[in-house]
Amino acid sequence: MGGWVRIGIVLSVLWILVGGFWGNNTAINDASKLTSAQVESCVSANKARLRAQGDNSEPYDKIWTPCWAEHTKNYMTNVEGHWWAAAFVGLAPVPIAWLILYMLIGLYRWIRRGFVRA
């Protein structure tokens, strides 16, 4: 096993770790943003419903409490596939990168052989 292959293996393992962490973190952040938007939508709907009834006092228990009760359930639903995102971002680029590099090396060698024979 040559030095370049060893460097490729080390970089692949490094990418699996870093890319997996990055994919997981991105999926969790997206789930958090979606959950926050759902809470804001719930609060807006509750405020609109109370205003339609003629109540402009905005009591906390009628506006925020029902939304916070749904918050955890919504977050758990939104974050469900975060490990799949981590696995995809961490693992999918590795074989693609190896394939591209081997193709480029093969192309370089093919071109070089053409100049040696000429």
N, C-alpha and C. Protein backbone atom coordinates (compact mmCIF):
# COMPACT_ATOMS: atom_id res chain seq x y z
N MET A 1 0.85 -1.18 0.00
CA MET A 1 0.00 0.00 0.00
C MET A 1 0.90 1.24 0.00
N GLY A 2 0.73 2.08 -1.00
CA GLY A 2 1.56 3.27 -1.14
C GLY A 2 1.16 4.38 -0.18
N GLY A 3 2.01 5.38 -0.14
CA GLY A 3 1.78 6.52 0.75
C GLY A 3 0.52 7.30 0.42
N TRP A 4 0.24 7.46 -0.89
CA TRP A 4 -0.95 8.21 -1.29
C TRP A 4 -2.23 7.48 -0.90
N VAL A 5 -2.21 6.17 -0.99
CA VAL A 5 -3.39 5.38 -0.59
C VAL A 5 -3.61 5.53 0.91
N ARG A 6 -2.52 5.50 1.69
CA ARG A 6 -2.64 5.67 3.14
C ARG A 6 -3.19 7.05 3.49
N ILE A 7 -2.71 8.06 2.77
CA ILE A 7 -3.24 9.41 3.00
C ILE A 7 -4.74 9.43 2.66
N GLY A 8 -5.13 8.76 1.58
CA GLY A 8 -6.54 8.70 1.21
C GLY A 8 -7.38 8.01 2.27
N ILE A 9 -6.86 6.95 2.86
CA ILE A 9 -7.59 6.24 3.92
C ILE A 9 -7.76 7.13 5.14
N VAL A 10 -6.69 7.81 5.52
CA VAL A 10 -6.77 8.71 6.68
C VAL A 10 -7.77 9.82 6.42
N LEU A 11 -7.72 10.42 5.22
CA LEU A 11 -8.67 11.49 4.88
C LEU A 11 -10.10 10.97 4.82
N SER A 12 -10.28 9.75 4.35
CA SER A 12 -11.62 9.16 4.30
C SER A 12 -12.19 8.97 5.70
N VAL A 13 -11.39 8.42 6.60
CA VAL A 13 -11.85 8.23 7.98
C VAL A 13 -12.14 9.57 8.63
N LEU A 14 -11.27 10.55 8.37
CA LEU A 14 -11.49 11.88 8.93
C LEU A 14 -12.81 12.47 8.41
N TRP A 15 -13.07 12.31 7.10
CA TRP A 15 -14.31 12.83 6.53
C TRP A 15 -15.53 12.12 7.11
N ILE A 16 -15.43 10.81 7.31
CA ILE A 16 -16.56 10.08 7.88
C ILE A 16 -16.92 10.66 9.24
N LEU A 17 -15.93 10.97 10.05
CA LEU A 17 -16.18 11.54 11.38
C LEU A 17 -16.71 12.97 11.29
N VAL A 18 -15.99 13.81 10.55
CA VAL A 18 -16.37 15.22 10.45
C VAL A 18 -17.68 15.38 9.68
N GLY A 19 -17.80 14.70 8.55
CA GLY A 19 -19.02 14.79 7.75
C GLY A 19 -20.24 14.25 8.49
N GLY A 20 -20.04 13.16 9.23
CA GLY A 20 -21.14 12.61 10.02
C GLY A 20 -21.59 13.58 11.10
N PHE A 21 -20.63 14.19 11.78
CA PHE A 21 -20.97 15.19 12.80
C PHE A 21 -21.67 16.38 12.17
N TRP A 22 -21.15 16.83 11.02
CA TRP A 22 -21.74 17.98 10.35
C TRP A 22 -23.17 17.67 9.87
N GLY A 23 -23.38 16.51 9.28
CA GLY A 23 -24.72 16.13 8.82
C GLY A 23 -25.70 16.01 9.97
N ASN A 24 -25.25 15.41 11.07
CA ASN A 24 -26.10 15.27 12.25
C ASN A 24 -26.46 16.65 12.81
N ASN A 25 -25.46 17.51 12.93
CA ASN A 25 -25.68 18.84 13.47
C ASN A 25 -26.62 19.65 12.59
N THR A 26 -26.46 19.56 11.29
CA THR A 26 -27.34 20.28 10.36
C THR A 26 -28.78 19.79 10.46
N ALA A 27 -28.96 18.48 10.55
CA ALA A 27 -30.32 17.92 10.66
C ALA A 27 -30.98 18.36 11.96
N ILE A 28 -30.23 18.36 13.05
CA ILE A 28 -30.79 18.78 14.33
C ILE A 28 -31.12 20.27 14.32
N ASN A 29 -30.25 21.10 13.72
CA ASN A 29 -30.54 22.53 13.62
C ASN A 29 -31.77 22.80 12.76
N ASP A 30 -31.92 22.07 11.66
CA ASP A 30 -33.11 22.22 10.82
C ASP A 30 -34.37 21.82 11.58
N ALA A 31 -34.29 20.76 12.37
CA ALA A 31 -35.44 20.33 13.17
C ALA A 31 -35.80 21.39 14.21
N SER A 32 -34.78 22.01 14.80
CA SER A 32 -35.03 23.06 15.78
C SER A 32 -35.70 24.27 15.15
N LYS A 33 -35.23 24.66 13.96
CA LYS A 33 -35.85 25.79 13.27
C LYS A 33 -37.29 25.50 12.90
N LEU A 34 -37.55 24.29 12.42
CA LEU A 34 -38.92 23.92 12.06
C LEU A 34 -39.82 23.90 13.29
N THR A 35 -39.31 23.39 14.40
CA THR A 35 -40.09 23.35 15.63
C THR A 35 -40.39 24.76 16.12
N SER A 36 -39.41 25.66 16.04
CA SER A 36 -39.64 27.05 16.44
C SER A 36 -40.70 27.70 15.56
N ALA A 37 -40.66 27.43 14.28
CA ALA A 37 -41.67 27.97 13.37
C ALA A 37 -43.05 27.41 13.70
N GLN A 38 -43.11 26.14 14.10
CA GLN A 38 -44.40 25.55 14.48
C GLN A 38 -44.94 26.19 15.76
N VAL A 39 -44.06 26.50 16.70
CA VAL A 39 -44.49 27.17 17.94
C VAL A 39 -45.00 28.57 17.62
N GLU A 40 -44.26 29.29 16.78
CA GLU A 40 -44.69 30.65 16.40
C GLU A 40 -46.04 30.61 15.68
N SER A 41 -46.23 29.63 14.82
CA SER A 41 -47.50 29.49 14.11
C SER A 41 -48.64 29.20 15.09
N CYS A 42 -48.37 28.34 16.05
CA CYS A 42 -49.37 28.00 17.06
C CYS A 42 -49.75 29.22 17.89
N VAL A 43 -48.74 29.99 18.30
CA VAL A 43 -48.99 31.20 19.10
C VAL A 43 -49.81 32.20 18.29
N SER A 44 -49.44 32.40 17.03
CA SER A 44 -50.19 33.33 16.18
C SER A 44 -51.64 32.89 16.02
N ALA A 45 -51.84 31.59 15.83
CA ALA A 45 -53.20 31.07 15.68
C ALA A 45 -54.01 31.27 16.96
N ASN A 46 -53.37 31.03 18.11
CA ASN A 46 -54.09 31.22 19.39
C ASN A 46 -54.42 32.69 19.62
N LYS A 47 -53.49 33.59 19.29
CA LYS A 47 -53.76 35.02 19.44
C LYS A 47 -54.90 35.45 18.52
N ALA A 48 -54.88 34.97 17.28
CA ALA A 48 -55.94 35.33 16.34
C ALA A 48 -57.29 34.80 16.80
N ARG A 49 -57.28 33.58 17.35
CA ARG A 49 -58.54 32.99 17.84
C ARG A 49 -59.09 33.81 19.00
N LEU A 50 -58.23 34.23 19.93
CA LEU A 50 -58.70 35.03 21.07
C LEU A 50 -59.17 36.41 20.63
N ARG A 51 -58.48 37.02 19.67
CA ARG A 51 -58.91 38.33 19.17
C ARG A 51 -60.25 38.23 18.46
N ALA A 52 -60.47 37.12 17.77
CA ALA A 52 -61.75 36.92 17.08
C ALA A 52 -62.89 36.79 18.09
N GLN A 53 -62.55 36.31 19.29
CA GLN A 53 -63.57 36.20 20.35
C GLN A 53 -63.71 37.50 21.12
N GLY A 54 -62.90 38.52 20.80
CA GLY A 54 -62.98 39.81 21.46
C GLY A 54 -62.10 39.93 22.69
N ASP A 55 -61.20 38.99 22.89
CA ASP A 55 -60.30 39.00 24.06
C ASP A 55 -58.92 39.49 23.61
N ASN A 56 -58.54 40.70 24.03
CA ASN A 56 -57.24 41.25 23.67
C ASN A 56 -56.24 41.19 24.83
N SER A 57 -56.55 40.44 25.87
CA SER A 57 -55.68 40.42 27.06
C SER A 57 -54.44 39.55 26.89
N GLU A 58 -54.46 38.62 25.96
CA GLU A 58 -53.35 37.71 25.67
C GLU A 58 -52.87 36.95 26.92
N PRO A 59 -53.74 36.15 27.53
CA PRO A 59 -53.31 35.38 28.70
C PRO A 59 -52.33 34.27 28.30
N TYR A 60 -51.29 34.10 29.11
CA TYR A 60 -50.23 33.14 28.82
C TYR A 60 -50.77 31.72 28.71
N ASP A 61 -51.65 31.35 29.62
CA ASP A 61 -52.14 29.96 29.64
C ASP A 61 -53.00 29.62 28.43
N LYS A 62 -53.59 30.59 27.80
CA LYS A 62 -54.41 30.30 26.62
C LYS A 62 -53.62 30.43 25.31
N ILE A 63 -52.52 31.15 25.34
CA ILE A 63 -51.76 31.36 24.11
C ILE A 63 -50.53 30.45 24.06
N TRP A 64 -49.69 30.49 25.07
CA TRP A 64 -48.41 29.79 25.04
C TRP A 64 -48.46 28.37 25.57
N THR A 65 -49.23 28.11 26.60
CA THR A 65 -49.23 26.78 27.23
C THR A 65 -49.59 25.66 26.25
N PRO A 66 -50.63 25.80 25.43
CA PRO A 66 -50.92 24.71 24.47
C PRO A 66 -49.79 24.50 23.45
N CYS A 67 -49.12 25.58 23.10
CA CYS A 67 -48.04 25.48 22.11
C CYS A 67 -46.82 24.78 22.71
N TRP A 68 -46.50 25.09 23.96
CA TRP A 68 -45.36 24.42 24.60
C TRP A 68 -45.66 22.96 24.87
N ALA A 69 -46.92 22.64 25.05
CA ALA A 69 -47.29 21.24 25.25
C ALA A 69 -47.02 20.42 23.97
N GLU A 70 -47.18 21.05 22.82
CA GLU A 70 -46.93 20.38 21.54
C GLU A 70 -45.45 20.44 21.13
N HIS A 71 -44.69 21.32 21.74
CA HIS A 71 -43.31 21.56 21.33
C HIS A 71 -42.46 20.29 21.34
N THR A 72 -42.44 19.56 22.43
CA THR A 72 -41.60 18.37 22.54
C THR A 72 -42.00 17.30 21.53
N LYS A 73 -43.30 17.10 21.39
CA LYS A 73 -43.78 16.11 20.43
C LYS A 73 -43.38 16.50 19.01
N ASN A 74 -43.53 17.78 18.67
CA ASN A 74 -43.14 18.25 17.34
C ASN A 74 -41.64 18.11 17.12
N TYR A 75 -40.86 18.46 18.14
CA TYR A 75 -39.40 18.37 18.00
C TYR A 75 -38.96 16.93 17.78
N MET A 76 -39.51 16.01 18.54
CA MET A 76 -39.14 14.61 18.39
C MET A 76 -39.52 14.08 17.00
N THR A 77 -40.64 14.52 16.49
CA THR A 77 -41.06 14.13 15.14
C THR A 77 -40.13 14.73 14.09
N ASN A 78 -39.77 16.00 14.27
CA ASN A 78 -38.93 16.69 13.29
C ASN A 78 -37.49 16.18 13.27
N VAL A 79 -37.00 15.71 14.40
CA VAL A 79 -35.59 15.31 14.50
C VAL A 79 -35.40 13.82 14.22
N GLU A 80 -36.48 13.11 13.91
CA GLU A 80 -36.45 11.66 13.76
C GLU A 80 -35.34 11.12 12.86
N GLY A 81 -35.12 11.68 11.71
CA GLY A 81 -34.17 11.11 10.76
C GLY A 81 -32.77 11.68 10.80
N HIS A 82 -32.38 12.28 11.92
CA HIS A 82 -31.09 12.96 11.95
C HIS A 82 -29.91 12.01 11.79
N TRP A 83 -30.03 10.75 12.24
CA TRP A 83 -28.92 9.81 12.08
C TRP A 83 -28.76 9.38 10.62
N TRP A 84 -29.86 9.36 9.88
CA TRP A 84 -29.76 9.05 8.46
C TRP A 84 -29.02 10.16 7.73
N ALA A 85 -29.29 11.40 8.10
CA ALA A 85 -28.57 12.53 7.49
C ALA A 85 -27.09 12.46 7.82
N ALA A 86 -26.77 12.11 9.06
CA ALA A 86 -25.36 11.98 9.47
C ALA A 86 -24.68 10.87 8.67
N ALA A 87 -25.34 9.75 8.53
CA ALA A 87 -24.75 8.64 7.79
C ALA A 87 -24.56 8.98 6.31
N PHE A 88 -25.54 9.64 5.73
CA PHE A 88 -25.46 9.99 4.32
C PHE A 88 -24.34 10.99 4.06
N VAL A 89 -24.28 12.07 4.85
CA VAL A 89 -23.26 13.09 4.65
C VAL A 89 -21.87 12.54 4.97
N GLY A 90 -21.78 11.66 5.96
CA GLY A 90 -20.49 11.11 6.33
C GLY A 90 -19.98 10.02 5.40
N LEU A 91 -20.88 9.19 4.89
CA LEU A 91 -20.45 8.02 4.13
C LEU A 91 -20.56 8.16 2.61
N ALA A 92 -21.55 8.84 2.11
CA ALA A 92 -21.78 8.89 0.67
C ALA A 92 -20.63 9.52 -0.13
N PRO A 93 -20.01 10.59 0.34
CA PRO A 93 -18.94 11.19 -0.46
C PRO A 93 -17.66 10.34 -0.58
N VAL A 94 -17.43 9.42 0.36
CA VAL A 94 -16.17 8.67 0.37
C VAL A 94 -16.01 7.79 -0.88
N PRO A 95 -16.93 6.90 -1.20
CA PRO A 95 -16.72 6.10 -2.42
C PRO A 95 -16.75 6.93 -3.69
N ILE A 96 -17.52 8.01 -3.69
CA ILE A 96 -17.56 8.89 -4.86
C ILE A 96 -16.20 9.54 -5.07
N ALA A 97 -15.60 10.02 -3.97
CA ALA A 97 -14.28 10.66 -4.07
C ALA A 97 -13.22 9.65 -4.53
N TRP A 98 -13.25 8.42 -3.98
CA TRP A 98 -12.29 7.40 -4.40
C TRP A 98 -12.45 7.08 -5.89
N LEU A 99 -13.69 6.97 -6.34
CA LEU A 99 -13.94 6.67 -7.75
C LEU A 99 -13.42 7.79 -8.65
N ILE A 100 -13.69 9.02 -8.29
CA ILE A 100 -13.22 10.16 -9.09
C ILE A 100 -11.69 10.20 -9.11
N LEU A 101 -11.06 9.99 -7.96
CA LEU A 101 -9.60 10.01 -7.93
C LEU A 101 -8.99 8.90 -8.77
N TYR A 102 -9.54 7.69 -8.68
CA TYR A 102 -9.02 6.60 -9.51
C TYR A 102 -9.23 6.88 -10.99
N MET A 103 -10.34 7.50 -11.33
CA MET A 103 -10.57 7.86 -12.74
C MET A 103 -9.56 8.91 -13.20
N LEU A 104 -9.28 9.90 -12.36
CA LEU A 104 -8.31 10.93 -12.72
C LEU A 104 -6.90 10.36 -12.84
N ILE A 105 -6.54 9.45 -11.93
CA ILE A 105 -5.23 8.81 -12.00
C ILE A 105 -5.12 7.97 -13.27
N GLY A 106 -6.16 7.23 -13.60
CA GLY A 106 -6.17 6.44 -14.83
C GLY A 106 -6.07 7.32 -16.06
N LEU A 107 -6.77 8.44 -16.06
CA LEU A 107 -6.70 9.37 -17.18
C LEU A 107 -5.29 9.95 -17.31
N TYR A 108 -4.68 10.31 -16.20
CA TYR A 108 -3.32 10.85 -16.20
C TYR A 108 -2.34 9.81 -16.76
N ARG A 109 -2.46 8.59 -16.32
CA ARG A 109 -1.56 7.53 -16.79
C ARG A 109 -1.76 7.23 -18.28
N TRP A 110 -3.00 7.27 -18.73
CA TRP A 110 -3.31 7.03 -20.13
C TRP A 110 -2.70 8.13 -21.01
N ILE A 111 -2.84 9.38 -20.57
CA ILE A 111 -2.26 10.50 -21.32
C ILE A 111 -0.74 10.40 -21.31
N ARG A 112 -0.15 10.09 -20.18
CA ARG A 112 1.30 9.97 -20.06
C ARG A 112 1.84 8.87 -20.96
N ARG A 113 1.14 7.73 -21.05
CA ARG A 113 1.57 6.64 -21.95
C ARG A 113 1.57 7.09 -23.40
N GLY A 114 0.68 7.95 -23.74
CA GLY A 114 0.61 8.46 -25.12
C GLY A 114 1.84 9.29 -25.48
N PHE A 115 2.36 10.03 -24.51
CA PHE A 115 3.53 10.84 -24.77
C PHE A 115 4.82 10.01 -24.77
N VAL A 116 4.86 8.94 -24.01
CA VAL A 116 6.06 8.09 -23.95
C VAL A 116 6.25 7.37 -25.27
N ARG A 117 5.21 6.91 -25.90
CA ARG A 117 5.29 6.17 -27.16
C ARG A 117 5.60 7.08 -28.35
N ALA A 118 5.28 8.32 -28.25
CA ALA A 118 5.43 9.22 -29.41
C ALA A 118 6.84 9.61 -29.70
